[in-house]
Amino acid sequence: MWTELFPNVIWEKIWEATIETLYMTGVSVIATFILGTILGLLLFLTSKGNIWENRLINAVIASFVNIFRSIPFIILIILLIPFTNLMVGTILGANAALPALIIGAAPFYARMVEIALREIDKGVIEAAKAMGAKTTTIIFKVLIPESLPALVSGITVTAIALVGYTAMAGVVGAGGLGNLAYLEGFQRNHNDVTFVATVLILIIVFVIQFVGDFVTSKIDKR
């Protein structure tokens, strides 16, 4: 039955491409969450009226975030080819996509983190300062817990964007479902391969959204 419906689909290749997409998405989401949270915290803490207020550092970080957030991903991959080759030793395969995925997504998520932190009631932060709390205590006991639902929602949106990025990265040989859909589907005019790859990408996106919404609902105390 499946052979008749999808005559050009090689299921071993589909499975391998799905694993590559999940690998690229998983690693880049973890790295983006860590790097983006750090950048977002620095943006917030060095802004006017906050603990580490510093206009120069804030301007430098904001410029970095704005520049890399604005570059279209497909162009960013090409720009980062020398850096990727230096870091990974190749410009092909799933690992080669990771630097561009992380550098492309982390600034986007950093802005979400900054927005989430700005929505925290300043009275809570001032109360922690008044009790003599250290900066690390304020960060890990006040800022992150208070903004956690928004942080989870933000990383969910970012993870879904990263799935789309992996598909674009596939066009330049990074592997995954995007690469399969382009090489086996589009270039060889095998519409069934493109269809199956697209459906699997949609399933991954739906699962990420469901898990993100579930976790957010569980930790949101409002």
N, C-alpha and C. Protein backbone atom coordinates (compact mmCIF):
# COMPACT_ATOMS: atom_id res chain seq x y z
N MET A 1 0.84 -1.22 0.00
CA MET A 1 0.00 0.00 0.00
C MET A 1 0.87 1.26 0.00
N TRP A 2 1.81 1.33 0.96
CA TRP A 2 2.66 2.52 1.05
C TRP A 2 3.52 2.67 -0.20
N THR A 3 3.94 1.54 -0.76
CA THR A 3 4.76 1.57 -1.98
C THR A 3 3.98 2.14 -3.15
N GLU A 4 2.69 1.82 -3.19
CA GLU A 4 1.85 2.32 -4.27
C GLU A 4 1.57 3.81 -4.12
N LEU A 5 1.34 4.23 -2.86
CA LEU A 5 1.03 5.64 -2.60
C LEU A 5 2.26 6.53 -2.77
N PHE A 6 3.41 6.02 -2.32
CA PHE A 6 4.65 6.81 -2.35
C PHE A 6 5.75 5.99 -3.04
N PRO A 7 5.67 5.84 -4.36
CA PRO A 7 6.60 4.96 -5.07
C PRO A 7 8.06 5.40 -5.02
N ASN A 8 8.31 6.69 -4.85
CA ASN A 8 9.68 7.20 -4.88
C ASN A 8 10.30 7.36 -3.49
N VAL A 9 9.51 7.09 -2.46
CA VAL A 9 9.98 7.30 -1.08
C VAL A 9 10.78 6.09 -0.62
N ILE A 10 12.02 6.35 -0.20
CA ILE A 10 12.86 5.32 0.43
C ILE A 10 12.80 5.58 1.93
N TRP A 11 12.11 4.73 2.66
CA TRP A 11 11.80 5.01 4.06
C TRP A 11 13.03 5.04 4.95
N GLU A 12 14.09 4.31 4.57
CA GLU A 12 15.33 4.38 5.35
C GLU A 12 15.93 5.79 5.28
N LYS A 13 15.86 6.39 4.09
CA LYS A 13 16.37 7.77 3.92
C LYS A 13 15.49 8.75 4.68
N ILE A 14 14.18 8.52 4.67
CA ILE A 14 13.25 9.39 5.41
C ILE A 14 13.57 9.34 6.90
N TRP A 15 13.79 8.12 7.43
CA TRP A 15 14.10 7.96 8.85
C TRP A 15 15.42 8.65 9.19
N GLU A 16 16.43 8.46 8.34
CA GLU A 16 17.74 9.08 8.58
C GLU A 16 17.63 10.60 8.56
N ALA A 17 16.87 11.14 7.59
CA ALA A 17 16.70 12.59 7.48
C ALA A 17 15.92 13.14 8.68
N THR A 18 14.94 12.39 9.17
CA THR A 18 14.17 12.81 10.34
C THR A 18 15.07 12.89 11.57
N ILE A 19 15.92 11.90 11.76
CA ILE A 19 16.86 11.89 12.88
C ILE A 19 17.80 13.09 12.79
N GLU A 20 18.28 13.39 11.59
CA GLU A 20 19.17 14.55 11.40
C GLU A 20 18.46 15.85 11.75
N THR A 21 17.20 15.98 11.33
CA THR A 21 16.42 17.19 11.65
C THR A 21 16.21 17.32 13.16
N LEU A 22 15.86 16.22 13.82
CA LEU A 22 15.66 16.23 15.28
C LEU A 22 16.97 16.55 15.99
N TYR A 23 18.08 16.01 15.49
CA TYR A 23 19.40 16.28 16.09
C TYR A 23 19.75 17.76 15.97
N MET A 24 19.63 18.31 14.76
CA MET A 24 19.95 19.72 14.54
C MET A 24 19.06 20.62 15.40
N THR A 25 17.77 20.31 15.43
CA THR A 25 16.83 21.12 16.21
C THR A 25 17.12 21.01 17.70
N GLY A 26 17.32 19.80 18.20
CA GLY A 26 17.54 19.58 19.62
C GLY A 26 18.79 20.28 20.14
N VAL A 27 19.91 20.08 19.45
CA VAL A 27 21.18 20.68 19.88
C VAL A 27 21.10 22.20 19.81
N SER A 28 20.56 22.71 18.71
CA SER A 28 20.50 24.17 18.55
C SER A 28 19.52 24.81 19.53
N VAL A 29 18.43 24.13 19.89
CA VAL A 29 17.49 24.67 20.88
C VAL A 29 18.16 24.79 22.24
N ILE A 30 18.89 23.76 22.64
CA ILE A 30 19.58 23.79 23.94
C ILE A 30 20.61 24.92 23.97
N ALA A 31 21.44 24.99 22.92
CA ALA A 31 22.47 26.03 22.86
C ALA A 31 21.84 27.43 22.77
N THR A 32 20.76 27.55 22.01
CA THR A 32 20.06 28.84 21.87
C THR A 32 19.46 29.28 23.20
N PHE A 33 18.88 28.33 23.93
CA PHE A 33 18.29 28.66 25.23
C PHE A 33 19.35 29.20 26.19
N ILE A 34 20.51 28.54 26.23
CA ILE A 34 21.59 28.97 27.15
C ILE A 34 22.15 30.32 26.71
N LEU A 35 22.58 30.41 25.45
CA LEU A 35 23.20 31.64 24.95
C LEU A 35 22.21 32.79 24.91
N GLY A 36 20.99 32.52 24.46
CA GLY A 36 19.97 33.57 24.39
C GLY A 36 19.57 34.09 25.75
N THR A 37 19.50 33.19 26.75
CA THR A 37 19.17 33.62 28.11
C THR A 37 20.27 34.51 28.67
N ILE A 38 21.53 34.13 28.43
CA ILE A 38 22.66 34.95 28.91
C ILE A 38 22.63 36.33 28.25
N LEU A 39 22.45 36.36 26.92
CA LEU A 39 22.41 37.64 26.21
C LEU A 39 21.22 38.49 26.67
N GLY A 40 20.07 37.85 26.85
CA GLY A 40 18.88 38.58 27.31
C GLY A 40 19.06 39.15 28.70
N LEU A 41 19.65 38.37 29.58
CA LEU A 41 19.93 38.85 30.94
C LEU A 41 20.90 40.03 30.91
N LEU A 42 21.94 39.94 30.09
CA LEU A 42 22.90 41.04 29.99
C LEU A 42 22.25 42.29 29.41
N LEU A 43 21.39 42.11 28.41
CA LEU A 43 20.66 43.26 27.86
C LEU A 43 19.81 43.94 28.92
N PHE A 44 19.14 43.13 29.73
CA PHE A 44 18.27 43.66 30.77
C PHE A 44 19.07 44.29 31.91
N LEU A 45 20.07 43.59 32.40
CA LEU A 45 20.81 44.04 33.58
C LEU A 45 21.68 45.26 33.32
N THR A 46 22.14 45.43 32.05
CA THR A 46 22.98 46.59 31.73
C THR A 46 22.19 47.77 31.20
N SER A 47 20.87 47.63 31.10
CA SER A 47 20.04 48.74 30.62
C SER A 47 19.85 49.79 31.71
N LYS A 48 19.30 50.93 31.33
CA LYS A 48 19.16 52.06 32.24
C LYS A 48 18.32 51.70 33.47
N GLY A 49 18.85 52.02 34.65
CA GLY A 49 18.12 51.82 35.89
C GLY A 49 18.22 50.43 36.49
N ASN A 50 19.03 49.55 35.87
CA ASN A 50 19.16 48.20 36.40
C ASN A 50 20.50 47.96 37.07
N ILE A 51 20.68 46.76 37.61
CA ILE A 51 21.79 46.46 38.52
C ILE A 51 23.16 46.76 37.92
N TRP A 52 23.40 46.32 36.68
CA TRP A 52 24.70 46.51 36.05
C TRP A 52 24.64 47.61 34.99
N GLU A 53 23.92 48.65 35.21
CA GLU A 53 23.73 49.70 34.20
C GLU A 53 25.06 50.10 33.57
N ASN A 54 25.15 49.93 32.26
CA ASN A 54 26.37 50.28 31.52
C ASN A 54 25.99 50.50 30.06
N ARG A 55 25.99 51.75 29.66
CA ARG A 55 25.50 52.09 28.32
C ARG A 55 26.35 51.48 27.22
N LEU A 56 27.68 51.45 27.42
CA LEU A 56 28.58 50.93 26.39
C LEU A 56 28.35 49.42 26.17
N ILE A 57 28.37 48.65 27.25
CA ILE A 57 28.18 47.20 27.14
C ILE A 57 26.80 46.89 26.58
N ASN A 58 25.79 47.63 27.04
CA ASN A 58 24.43 47.42 26.55
C ASN A 58 24.34 47.70 25.05
N ALA A 59 25.00 48.76 24.60
CA ALA A 59 24.98 49.13 23.18
C ALA A 59 25.68 48.08 22.33
N VAL A 60 26.80 47.54 22.83
CA VAL A 60 27.55 46.52 22.09
C VAL A 60 26.71 45.25 21.94
N ILE A 61 26.12 44.79 23.05
CA ILE A 61 25.30 43.56 23.02
C ILE A 61 24.07 43.77 22.15
N ALA A 62 23.43 44.93 22.29
CA ALA A 62 22.23 45.23 21.50
C ALA A 62 22.56 45.26 20.01
N SER A 63 23.73 45.81 19.65
CA SER A 63 24.14 45.85 18.24
C SER A 63 24.36 44.45 17.70
N PHE A 64 25.03 43.60 18.48
CA PHE A 64 25.26 42.21 18.08
C PHE A 64 23.92 41.51 17.84
N VAL A 65 23.01 41.66 18.79
CA VAL A 65 21.70 41.02 18.70
C VAL A 65 20.93 41.52 17.48
N ASN A 66 20.92 42.83 17.30
CA ASN A 66 20.15 43.41 16.19
C ASN A 66 20.70 43.02 14.83
N ILE A 67 22.03 42.97 14.72
CA ILE A 67 22.66 42.63 13.43
C ILE A 67 22.33 41.19 13.04
N PHE A 68 22.61 40.25 13.94
CA PHE A 68 22.43 38.84 13.60
C PHE A 68 20.95 38.43 13.56
N ARG A 69 20.11 39.20 14.24
CA ARG A 69 18.67 38.93 14.19
C ARG A 69 18.07 39.39 12.86
N SER A 70 18.76 40.31 12.21
CA SER A 70 18.21 40.92 10.99
C SER A 70 18.66 40.23 9.70
N ILE A 71 19.75 39.45 9.77
CA ILE A 71 20.28 38.81 8.57
C ILE A 71 19.40 37.61 8.19
N PRO A 72 18.88 37.55 6.97
CA PRO A 72 18.12 36.37 6.54
C PRO A 72 18.96 35.11 6.72
N PHE A 73 18.31 34.04 7.19
CA PHE A 73 19.05 32.85 7.58
C PHE A 73 19.86 32.23 6.45
N ILE A 74 19.29 32.20 5.26
CA ILE A 74 19.98 31.57 4.12
C ILE A 74 21.27 32.34 3.80
N ILE A 75 21.24 33.66 3.98
CA ILE A 75 22.44 34.49 3.76
C ILE A 75 23.44 34.27 4.90
N LEU A 76 22.92 34.13 6.12
CA LEU A 76 23.78 33.91 7.28
C LEU A 76 24.59 32.62 7.13
N ILE A 77 23.94 31.57 6.61
CA ILE A 77 24.64 30.30 6.39
C ILE A 77 25.85 30.51 5.48
N ILE A 78 25.62 31.26 4.40
CA ILE A 78 26.70 31.50 3.43
C ILE A 78 27.81 32.34 4.05
N LEU A 79 27.42 33.39 4.80
CA LEU A 79 28.41 34.26 5.44
C LEU A 79 29.27 33.49 6.45
N LEU A 80 28.67 32.49 7.10
CA LEU A 80 29.37 31.76 8.17
C LEU A 80 30.12 30.53 7.66
N ILE A 81 30.17 30.31 6.35
CA ILE A 81 30.86 29.13 5.82
C ILE A 81 32.32 29.05 6.29
N PRO A 82 33.12 30.13 6.21
CA PRO A 82 34.51 30.04 6.71
C PRO A 82 34.56 29.71 8.22
N PHE A 83 33.69 30.34 9.00
CA PHE A 83 33.66 30.09 10.45
C PHE A 83 33.22 28.66 10.73
N THR A 84 32.22 28.19 9.99
CA THR A 84 31.73 26.82 10.16
C THR A 84 32.82 25.80 9.83
N ASN A 85 33.53 26.04 8.75
CA ASN A 85 34.62 25.15 8.33
C ASN A 85 35.72 25.11 9.39
N LEU A 86 35.98 26.27 10.00
CA LEU A 86 37.00 26.36 11.06
C LEU A 86 36.55 25.61 12.31
N MET A 87 35.29 25.77 12.67
CA MET A 87 34.77 25.17 13.91
C MET A 87 34.52 23.67 13.78
N VAL A 88 33.94 23.25 12.66
CA VAL A 88 33.46 21.87 12.51
C VAL A 88 34.37 21.05 11.61
N GLY A 89 35.10 21.73 10.71
CA GLY A 89 35.98 21.02 9.79
C GLY A 89 35.30 20.62 8.49
N THR A 90 34.05 21.00 8.31
CA THR A 90 33.31 20.71 7.09
C THR A 90 32.16 21.71 6.95
N ILE A 91 31.66 21.85 5.72
CA ILE A 91 30.50 22.73 5.51
C ILE A 91 29.28 21.91 5.09
N LEU A 92 29.39 20.59 5.19
CA LEU A 92 28.28 19.71 4.84
C LEU A 92 27.88 18.85 6.03
N GLY A 93 26.61 18.48 6.09
CA GLY A 93 26.14 17.60 7.15
C GLY A 93 25.46 18.35 8.28
N ALA A 94 24.86 17.58 9.19
CA ALA A 94 24.07 18.16 10.28
C ALA A 94 24.91 19.02 11.20
N ASN A 95 26.12 18.58 11.55
CA ASN A 95 26.97 19.35 12.46
C ASN A 95 27.36 20.70 11.86
N ALA A 96 27.53 20.74 10.54
CA ALA A 96 27.91 21.98 9.88
C ALA A 96 26.81 23.03 9.95
N ALA A 97 25.56 22.60 10.16
CA ALA A 97 24.45 23.55 10.24
C ALA A 97 24.35 24.21 11.61
N LEU A 98 24.93 23.58 12.62
CA LEU A 98 24.73 24.04 14.00
C LEU A 98 25.21 25.47 14.27
N PRO A 99 26.44 25.86 13.84
CA PRO A 99 26.85 27.25 14.12
C PRO A 99 25.88 28.29 13.59
N ALA A 100 25.43 28.11 12.34
CA ALA A 100 24.49 29.08 11.75
C ALA A 100 23.15 29.04 12.47
N LEU A 101 22.67 27.85 12.82
CA LEU A 101 21.39 27.73 13.52
C LEU A 101 21.44 28.46 14.86
N ILE A 102 22.51 28.24 15.61
CA ILE A 102 22.64 28.84 16.95
C ILE A 102 22.82 30.36 16.86
N ILE A 103 23.74 30.80 15.97
CA ILE A 103 24.00 32.23 15.83
C ILE A 103 22.79 32.96 15.26
N GLY A 104 22.00 32.26 14.44
CA GLY A 104 20.81 32.88 13.88
C GLY A 104 19.65 32.97 14.86
N ALA A 105 19.55 31.98 15.77
CA ALA A 105 18.40 31.92 16.67
C ALA A 105 18.64 32.58 18.03
N ALA A 106 19.86 32.53 18.54
CA ALA A 106 20.14 33.05 19.89
C ALA A 106 19.80 34.54 20.04
N PRO A 107 20.18 35.40 19.09
CA PRO A 107 19.80 36.82 19.22
C PRO A 107 18.29 37.03 19.21
N PHE A 108 17.59 36.25 18.39
CA PHE A 108 16.12 36.32 18.33
C PHE A 108 15.53 35.98 19.70
N TYR A 109 16.04 34.91 20.30
CA TYR A 109 15.53 34.50 21.61
C TYR A 109 15.96 35.48 22.70
N ALA A 110 17.15 36.07 22.55
CA ALA A 110 17.64 37.03 23.55
C ALA A 110 16.67 38.20 23.71
N ARG A 111 16.12 38.67 22.60
CA ARG A 111 15.15 39.76 22.67
C ARG A 111 13.88 39.32 23.40
N MET A 112 13.47 38.08 23.18
CA MET A 112 12.30 37.55 23.90
C MET A 112 12.57 37.48 25.40
N VAL A 113 13.79 37.08 25.76
CA VAL A 113 14.18 37.02 27.17
C VAL A 113 14.14 38.41 27.78
N GLU A 114 14.71 39.38 27.07
CA GLU A 114 14.73 40.75 27.57
C GLU A 114 13.31 41.28 27.79
N ILE A 115 12.42 41.03 26.83
CA ILE A 115 11.03 41.47 26.96
C ILE A 115 10.36 40.81 28.16
N ALA A 116 10.61 39.51 28.34
CA ALA A 116 10.03 38.78 29.48
C ALA A 116 10.51 39.36 30.80
N LEU A 117 11.78 39.71 30.88
CA LEU A 117 12.34 40.27 32.12
C LEU A 117 11.79 41.66 32.40
N ARG A 118 11.55 42.44 31.35
CA ARG A 118 11.02 43.79 31.54
C ARG A 118 9.59 43.78 32.06
N GLU A 119 8.89 42.67 31.87
CA GLU A 119 7.50 42.56 32.32
C GLU A 119 7.39 42.19 33.80
N ILE A 120 8.51 41.85 34.43
CA ILE A 120 8.49 41.52 35.86
C ILE A 120 8.22 42.78 36.67
N ASP A 121 7.40 42.65 37.68
CA ASP A 121 7.09 43.76 38.57
C ASP A 121 8.37 44.26 39.24
N LYS A 122 8.70 45.52 39.02
CA LYS A 122 9.95 46.07 39.58
C LYS A 122 9.95 46.05 41.11
N GLY A 123 8.75 46.03 41.70
CA GLY A 123 8.66 45.98 43.15
C GLY A 123 9.26 44.71 43.72
N VAL A 124 9.12 43.61 42.98
CA VAL A 124 9.69 42.34 43.42
C VAL A 124 11.21 42.41 43.44
N ILE A 125 11.77 43.02 42.40
CA ILE A 125 13.23 43.17 42.32
C ILE A 125 13.74 44.10 43.42
N GLU A 126 13.03 45.23 43.63
CA GLU A 126 13.43 46.18 44.66
C GLU A 126 13.35 45.56 46.06
N ALA A 127 12.34 44.72 46.27
CA ALA A 127 12.21 44.03 47.56
C ALA A 127 13.39 43.10 47.82
N ALA A 128 13.82 42.41 46.77
CA ALA A 128 14.97 41.51 46.89
C ALA A 128 16.25 42.29 47.18
N LYS A 129 16.39 43.46 46.53
CA LYS A 129 17.55 44.32 46.80
C LYS A 129 17.53 44.82 48.24
N ALA A 130 16.35 45.23 48.71
CA ALA A 130 16.20 45.77 50.06
C ALA A 130 16.57 44.74 51.13
N MET A 131 16.36 43.46 50.80
CA MET A 131 16.70 42.40 51.75
C MET A 131 18.17 41.98 51.66
N GLY A 132 18.91 42.70 50.81
CA GLY A 132 20.35 42.44 50.70
C GLY A 132 20.71 41.27 49.81
N ALA A 133 19.83 40.89 48.92
CA ALA A 133 20.10 39.77 48.03
C ALA A 133 21.23 40.11 47.05
N LYS A 134 22.11 39.14 46.82
CA LYS A 134 23.19 39.32 45.85
C LYS A 134 22.61 39.29 44.43
N THR A 135 23.41 39.75 43.48
CA THR A 135 22.97 39.78 42.09
C THR A 135 22.63 38.38 41.58
N THR A 136 23.48 37.40 41.93
CA THR A 136 23.21 36.03 41.49
C THR A 136 21.91 35.51 42.08
N THR A 137 21.63 35.88 43.32
CA THR A 137 20.38 35.47 43.97
C THR A 137 19.18 36.10 43.26
N ILE A 138 19.31 37.38 42.92
CA ILE A 138 18.23 38.08 42.22
C ILE A 138 17.97 37.42 40.86
N ILE A 139 19.06 37.04 40.17
CA ILE A 139 18.92 36.42 38.84
C ILE A 139 18.22 35.07 38.95
N PHE A 140 18.73 34.20 39.83
CA PHE A 140 18.26 32.81 39.88
C PHE A 140 17.05 32.58 40.78
N LYS A 141 16.79 33.51 41.69
CA LYS A 141 15.66 33.34 42.61
C LYS A 141 14.48 34.28 42.29
N VAL A 142 14.76 35.32 41.51
CA VAL A 142 13.69 36.30 41.21
C VAL A 142 13.44 36.39 39.69
N LEU A 143 14.47 36.83 38.95
CA LEU A 143 14.27 37.13 37.53
C LEU A 143 13.85 35.89 36.72
N ILE A 144 14.63 34.83 36.82
CA ILE A 144 14.32 33.63 36.01
C ILE A 144 13.02 32.96 36.45
N PRO A 145 12.80 32.72 37.76
CA PRO A 145 11.51 32.10 38.15
C PRO A 145 10.29 32.93 37.76
N GLU A 146 10.38 34.26 37.93
CA GLU A 146 9.24 35.12 37.63
C GLU A 146 8.93 35.17 36.13
N SER A 147 9.97 35.03 35.31
CA SER A 147 9.77 35.14 33.86
C SER A 147 9.71 33.77 33.18
N LEU A 148 9.76 32.69 33.94
CA LEU A 148 9.88 31.35 33.36
C LEU A 148 8.77 30.99 32.36
N PRO A 149 7.49 31.26 32.65
CA PRO A 149 6.46 30.95 31.64
C PRO A 149 6.72 31.63 30.30
N ALA A 150 7.11 32.90 30.35
CA ALA A 150 7.41 33.64 29.11
C ALA A 150 8.66 33.10 28.43
N LEU A 151 9.63 32.66 29.23
CA LEU A 151 10.86 32.08 28.66
C LEU A 151 10.55 30.78 27.93
N VAL A 152 9.69 29.96 28.52
CA VAL A 152 9.32 28.69 27.89
C VAL A 152 8.52 28.94 26.61
N SER A 153 7.60 29.91 26.67
CA SER A 153 6.84 30.26 25.45
C SER A 153 7.78 30.77 24.36
N GLY A 154 8.76 31.55 24.78
CA GLY A 154 9.72 32.10 23.82
C GLY A 154 10.58 31.02 23.17
N ILE A 155 11.05 30.05 23.96
CA ILE A 155 11.90 29.00 23.39
C ILE A 155 11.06 28.06 22.53
N THR A 156 9.76 27.96 22.82
CA THR A 156 8.87 27.16 21.96
C THR A 156 8.77 27.78 20.58
N VAL A 157 8.54 29.09 20.55
CA VAL A 157 8.46 29.81 19.27
C VAL A 157 9.79 29.71 18.53
N THR A 158 10.89 29.86 19.28
CA THR A 158 12.22 29.79 18.67
C THR A 158 12.51 28.40 18.13
N ALA A 159 12.10 27.36 18.87
CA ALA A 159 12.32 25.98 18.42
C ALA A 159 11.58 25.71 17.11
N ILE A 160 10.37 26.24 17.01
CA ILE A 160 9.60 26.06 15.76
C ILE A 160 10.29 26.79 14.60
N ALA A 161 10.82 27.98 14.89
CA ALA A 161 11.57 28.71 13.86
C ALA A 161 12.82 27.92 13.45
N LEU A 162 13.44 27.26 14.42
CA LEU A 162 14.65 26.48 14.14
C LEU A 162 14.35 25.28 13.23
N VAL A 163 13.18 24.69 13.38
CA VAL A 163 12.79 23.60 12.48
C VAL A 163 12.76 24.12 11.05
N GLY A 164 12.20 25.31 10.87
CA GLY A 164 12.20 25.94 9.55
C GLY A 164 13.60 26.25 9.07
N TYR A 165 14.47 26.69 10.00
CA TYR A 165 15.86 26.97 9.64
C TYR A 165 16.58 25.72 9.16
N THR A 166 16.31 24.57 9.82
CA THR A 166 16.97 23.32 9.42
C THR A 166 16.56 22.93 7.99
N ALA A 167 15.30 23.23 7.65
CA ALA A 167 14.84 22.95 6.29
C ALA A 167 15.59 23.81 5.28
N MET A 168 15.81 25.08 5.62
CA MET A 168 16.57 25.97 4.73
C MET A 168 18.03 25.54 4.66
N ALA A 169 18.58 25.11 5.81
CA ALA A 169 19.97 24.66 5.85
C ALA A 169 20.16 23.43 4.97
N GLY A 170 19.10 22.63 4.84
CA GLY A 170 19.16 21.44 3.99
C GLY A 170 19.41 21.76 2.54
N VAL A 171 18.97 22.93 2.11
CA VAL A 171 19.15 23.34 0.71
C VAL A 171 20.64 23.50 0.38
N VAL A 172 21.47 23.83 1.38
CA VAL A 172 22.91 23.98 1.14
C VAL A 172 23.69 22.78 1.66
N GLY A 173 23.02 21.63 1.77
CA GLY A 173 23.71 20.39 2.06
C GLY A 173 23.89 20.04 3.52
N ALA A 174 23.04 20.60 4.40
CA ALA A 174 23.18 20.33 5.82
C ALA A 174 22.51 19.03 6.26
N GLY A 175 21.81 18.36 5.36
CA GLY A 175 21.12 17.13 5.71
C GLY A 175 19.73 17.43 6.26
N GLY A 176 19.06 16.38 6.72
CA GLY A 176 17.74 16.54 7.30
C GLY A 176 16.63 16.48 6.26
N LEU A 177 15.41 16.71 6.73
CA LEU A 177 14.23 16.61 5.86
C LEU A 177 14.21 17.68 4.77
N GLY A 178 14.73 18.86 5.08
CA GLY A 178 14.80 19.92 4.07
C GLY A 178 15.70 19.54 2.92
N ASN A 179 16.84 18.95 3.25
CA ASN A 179 17.78 18.49 2.23
C ASN A 179 17.16 17.39 1.37
N LEU A 180 16.45 16.47 2.03
CA LEU A 180 15.81 15.37 1.31
C LEU A 180 14.70 15.89 0.38
N ALA A 181 13.89 16.82 0.90
CA ALA A 181 12.80 17.38 0.10
C ALA A 181 13.34 18.12 -1.12
N TYR A 182 14.48 18.78 -0.97
CA TYR A 182 15.06 19.55 -2.07
C TYR A 182 15.74 18.65 -3.10
N LEU A 183 16.63 17.76 -2.62
CA LEU A 183 17.40 16.93 -3.55
C LEU A 183 16.57 15.81 -4.17
N GLU A 184 15.87 15.06 -3.30
CA GLU A 184 15.11 13.90 -3.77
C GLU A 184 13.72 14.28 -4.29
N GLY A 185 13.15 15.34 -3.70
CA GLY A 185 11.81 15.73 -4.08
C GLY A 185 11.77 16.74 -5.21
N PHE A 186 12.30 17.92 -4.96
CA PHE A 186 12.21 19.02 -5.93
C PHE A 186 13.05 18.77 -7.17
N GLN A 187 14.35 18.48 -6.98
CA GLN A 187 15.25 18.37 -8.14
C GLN A 187 14.92 17.16 -9.02
N ARG A 188 14.41 16.10 -8.42
CA ARG A 188 14.06 14.91 -9.21
C ARG A 188 12.56 14.84 -9.54
N ASN A 189 11.86 15.89 -9.14
CA ASN A 189 10.42 15.98 -9.41
C ASN A 189 9.64 14.81 -8.80
N HIS A 190 10.07 14.39 -7.60
CA HIS A 190 9.37 13.35 -6.85
C HIS A 190 8.48 14.02 -5.80
N ASN A 191 7.26 14.35 -6.19
CA ASN A 191 6.37 15.09 -5.30
C ASN A 191 5.99 14.31 -4.04
N ASP A 192 5.99 12.98 -4.14
CA ASP A 192 5.64 12.18 -2.97
C ASP A 192 6.70 12.31 -1.87
N VAL A 193 7.97 12.43 -2.27
CA VAL A 193 9.05 12.61 -1.30
C VAL A 193 8.90 13.97 -0.60
N THR A 194 8.62 14.99 -1.39
CA THR A 194 8.42 16.34 -0.83
C THR A 194 7.23 16.34 0.13
N PHE A 195 6.16 15.65 -0.24
CA PHE A 195 4.96 15.59 0.59
C PHE A 195 5.26 14.92 1.93
N VAL A 196 5.91 13.77 1.90
CA VAL A 196 6.22 13.03 3.14
C VAL A 196 7.14 13.85 4.04
N ALA A 197 8.16 14.48 3.45
CA ALA A 197 9.09 15.31 4.24
C ALA A 197 8.36 16.48 4.88
N THR A 198 7.45 17.10 4.13
CA THR A 198 6.68 18.23 4.65
C THR A 198 5.77 17.81 5.80
N VAL A 199 5.10 16.68 5.64
CA VAL A 199 4.21 16.18 6.71
C VAL A 199 5.00 15.90 7.98
N LEU A 200 6.19 15.31 7.86
CA LEU A 200 7.01 15.01 9.03
C LEU A 200 7.49 16.28 9.73
N ILE A 201 7.84 17.30 8.94
CA ILE A 201 8.23 18.59 9.52
C ILE A 201 7.05 19.20 10.29
N LEU A 202 5.86 19.11 9.72
CA LEU A 202 4.66 19.63 10.39
C LEU A 202 4.39 18.89 11.70
N ILE A 203 4.58 17.58 11.69
CA ILE A 203 4.37 16.78 12.91
C ILE A 203 5.35 17.22 14.00
N ILE A 204 6.61 17.42 13.62
CA ILE A 204 7.63 17.88 14.58
C ILE A 204 7.22 19.23 15.18
N VAL A 205 6.75 20.13 14.32
CA VAL A 205 6.31 21.46 14.79
C VAL A 205 5.13 21.34 15.75
N PHE A 206 4.14 20.51 15.40
CA PHE A 206 2.97 20.34 16.27
C PHE A 206 3.36 19.76 17.62
N VAL A 207 4.29 18.81 17.63
CA VAL A 207 4.74 18.21 18.89
C VAL A 207 5.45 19.25 19.76
N ILE A 208 6.32 20.05 19.15
CA ILE A 208 7.03 21.10 19.89
C ILE A 208 6.04 22.09 20.49
N GLN A 209 5.05 22.51 19.70
CA GLN A 209 4.05 23.46 20.19
C GLN A 209 3.24 22.87 21.33
N PHE A 210 2.84 21.61 21.19
CA PHE A 210 2.06 20.95 22.24
C PHE A 210 2.85 20.86 23.54
N VAL A 211 4.10 20.41 23.45
CA VAL A 211 4.93 20.28 24.64
C VAL A 211 5.18 21.64 25.28
N GLY A 212 5.47 22.66 24.44
CA GLY A 212 5.70 24.00 24.96
C GLY A 212 4.49 24.56 25.68
N ASP A 213 3.30 24.41 25.08
CA ASP A 213 2.06 24.89 25.70
C ASP A 213 1.77 24.15 27.00
N PHE A 214 2.03 22.85 27.01
CA PHE A 214 1.77 22.03 28.21
C PHE A 214 2.67 22.47 29.36
N VAL A 215 3.97 22.64 29.07
CA VAL A 215 4.92 23.04 30.11
C VAL A 215 4.58 24.44 30.63
N THR A 216 4.26 25.34 29.72
CA THR A 216 3.91 26.71 30.10
C THR A 216 2.69 26.74 31.02
N SER A 217 1.67 25.94 30.69
CA SER A 217 0.45 25.90 31.51
C SER A 217 0.73 25.35 32.91
N LYS A 218 1.71 24.46 33.01
CA LYS A 218 2.04 23.84 34.29
C LYS A 218 2.83 24.77 35.22
N ILE A 219 3.67 25.63 34.62
CA ILE A 219 4.51 26.48 35.46
C ILE A 219 3.95 27.90 35.64
N ASP A 220 2.94 28.23 34.86
CA ASP A 220 2.33 29.57 34.97
C ASP A 220 1.43 29.61 36.20
N LYS A 221 1.80 30.42 37.19
CA LYS A 221 1.05 30.48 38.45
C LYS A 221 -0.07 31.52 38.43
N ARG A 222 -0.16 32.27 37.34
CA ARG A 222 -1.18 33.33 37.30
C ARG A 222 -2.59 32.73 37.14
